[in-house]
Amino acid sequence: MPGLKELRSRKRLSLEALGYLANLDPATVSRIERGVVEASPRSTVALARALGTSVARMRQVLADSAEEALSREPGP
């Protein structure tokens, strides 16, 4: 399943544009994309609406992005 960045890119939206559409700070969108922070329920709904997808799909996209970010972290 594509990540948030890929969904945003498919819609040809910059971080700033997606932030505007979702009423979120572009830096927050970036942190969510990279899996640095977890999206709040409100942010999840806002991102889903801005990208024209369902909330359920957005939850899965965000969960997959967070899992991918964890797998990139260096081990002990």
C-alpha atoms as a PDB file:
ATOM      1  CA  MET A   1       0.000   0.000   0.000  1.00  0.00           C
ATOM      2  CA  PRO A   2       1.366   3.447  -0.847  1.00  0.00           C
ATOM      3  CA  GLY A   3       2.502   5.680   1.958  1.00  0.00           C
ATOM      4  CA  LEU A   4       1.281   9.167   2.716  1.00  0.00           C
ATOM      5  CA  LYS A   5       4.077  10.740   0.673  1.00  0.00           C
ATOM      6  CA  GLU A   6       3.150   8.658  -2.362  1.00  0.00           C
ATOM      7  CA  LEU A   7      -0.541   9.512  -2.015  1.00  0.00           C
ATOM      8  CA  ARG A   8       0.388  13.186  -1.768  1.00  0.00           C
ATOM      9  CA  SER A   9       2.678  12.919  -4.795  1.00  0.00           C
ATOM     10  CA  ARG A  10      -0.007  11.179  -6.863  1.00  0.00           C
ATOM     11  CA  LYS A  11      -2.278  14.160  -6.212  1.00  0.00           C
ATOM     12  CA  ARG A  12       0.637  16.447  -7.145  1.00  0.00           C
ATOM     13  CA  LEU A  13       0.424  18.238  -3.817  1.00  0.00           C
ATOM     14  CA  SER A  14       3.318  19.839  -2.008  1.00  0.00           C
ATOM     15  CA  LEU A  15       3.598  19.561   1.765  1.00  0.00           C
ATOM     16  CA  GLU A  16       2.372  23.144   1.932  1.00  0.00           C
ATOM     17  CA  ALA A  17      -0.648  22.455  -0.280  1.00  0.00           C
ATOM     18  CA  LEU A  18      -1.657  19.337   1.640  1.00  0.00           C
ATOM     19  CA  GLY A  19      -1.172  21.193   4.909  1.00  0.00           C
ATOM     20  CA  TYR A  20      -3.428  23.969   3.650  1.00  0.00           C
ATOM     21  CA  LEU A  21      -6.128  21.556   2.473  1.00  0.00           C
ATOM     22  CA  ALA A  22      -6.007  19.605   5.730  1.00  0.00           C
ATOM     23  CA  ASN A  23      -5.605  22.715   7.905  1.00  0.00           C
ATOM     24  CA  LEU A  24      -2.327  21.335   9.279  1.00  0.00           C
ATOM     25  CA  ASP A  25       1.124  22.847   9.513  1.00  0.00           C
ATOM     26  CA  PRO A  26       3.269  21.561   6.614  1.00  0.00           C
ATOM     27  CA  ALA A  27       5.965  20.601   9.138  1.00  0.00           C
ATOM     28  CA  THR A  28       3.407  18.432  10.921  1.00  0.00           C
ATOM     29  CA  VAL A  29       2.461  16.770   7.642  1.00  0.00           C
ATOM     30  CA  SER A  30       6.157  16.090   7.012  1.00  0.00           C
ATOM     31  CA  ARG A  31       6.627  14.549  10.463  1.00  0.00           C
ATOM     32  CA  ILE A  32       3.551  12.353   9.954  1.00  0.00           C
ATOM     33  CA  GLU A  33       4.826  11.279   6.515  1.00  0.00           C
ATOM     34  CA  ARG A  34       8.185  10.286   7.969  1.00  0.00           C
ATOM     35  CA  GLY A  35       6.596   8.439  10.885  1.00  0.00           C
ATOM     36  CA  VAL A  36       8.219  10.758  13.408  1.00  0.00           C
ATOM     37  CA  VAL A  37       4.863  11.542  15.018  1.00  0.00           C
ATOM     38  CA  GLU A  38       1.559   9.721  15.053  1.00  0.00           C
ATOM     39  CA  ALA A  39      -1.376  11.507  13.466  1.00  0.00           C
ATOM     40  CA  SER A  40      -4.180  12.408  15.833  1.00  0.00           C
ATOM     41  CA  PRO A  41      -7.676  11.203  14.959  1.00  0.00           C
ATOM     42  CA  ARG A  42      -8.534  14.747  13.822  1.00  0.00           C
ATOM     43  CA  SER A  43      -5.438  14.906  11.597  1.00  0.00           C
ATOM     44  CA  THR A  44      -6.201  11.481  10.152  1.00  0.00           C
ATOM     45  CA  VAL A  45      -9.697  12.607   9.141  1.00  0.00           C
ATOM     46  CA  ALA A  46      -8.366  15.902   7.765  1.00  0.00           C
ATOM     47  CA  LEU A  47      -5.700  14.159   5.682  1.00  0.00           C
ATOM     48  CA  ALA A  48      -8.201  11.621   4.359  1.00  0.00           C
ATOM     49  CA  ARG A  49     -10.577  14.372   3.264  1.00  0.00           C
ATOM     50  CA  ALA A  50      -7.797  16.438   1.713  1.00  0.00           C
ATOM     51  CA  LEU A  51      -6.557  13.435  -0.272  1.00  0.00           C
ATOM     52  CA  GLY A  52     -10.023  12.182  -1.213  1.00  0.00           C
ATOM     53  CA  THR A  53      -9.716   8.819   0.483  1.00  0.00           C
ATOM     54  CA  SER A  54     -11.535   7.026   3.267  1.00  0.00           C
ATOM     55  CA  VAL A  55     -10.556   7.395   6.899  1.00  0.00           C
ATOM     56  CA  ALA A  56     -10.076   3.619   7.123  1.00  0.00           C
ATOM     57  CA  ARG A  57      -7.620   3.663   4.227  1.00  0.00           C
ATOM     58  CA  MET A  58      -5.804   6.664   5.715  1.00  0.00           C
ATOM     59  CA  ARG A  59      -5.457   4.837   9.044  1.00  0.00           C
ATOM     60  CA  GLN A  60      -3.888   1.888   7.223  1.00  0.00           C
ATOM     61  CA  VAL A  61      -1.564   4.153   5.218  1.00  0.00           C
ATOM     62  CA  LEU A  62      -0.418   5.872   8.407  1.00  0.00           C
ATOM     63  CA  ALA A  63       0.050   2.564  10.232  1.00  0.00           C
ATOM     64  CA  ASP A  64       2.129   1.230   7.344  1.00  0.00           C
ATOM     65  CA  SER A  65       4.203   4.431   7.273  1.00  0.00           C
ATOM     66  CA  ALA A  66       4.888   4.186  11.009  1.00  0.00           C
ATOM     67  CA  GLU A  67       5.868   0.531  10.675  1.00  0.00           C
ATOM     68  CA  GLU A  68       8.223   1.377   7.826  1.00  0.00           C
ATOM     69  CA  ALA A  69       9.804   4.176   9.852  1.00  0.00           C
ATOM     70  CA  LEU A  70      10.426   1.777  12.731  1.00  0.00           C
ATOM     71  CA  SER A  71      12.096  -0.696  10.408  1.00  0.00           C
ATOM     72  CA  ARG A  72      14.519   2.026   9.228  1.00  0.00           C
ATOM     73  CA  GLU A  73      15.706   2.819  12.771  1.00  0.00           C
ATOM     74  CA  PRO A  74      19.145   1.489  13.590  1.00  0.00           C
ATOM     75  CA  GLY A  75      19.218  -1.466  15.944  1.00  0.00           C
ATOM     76  CA  PRO A  76      21.027  -1.678  19.298  1.00  0.00           C
END
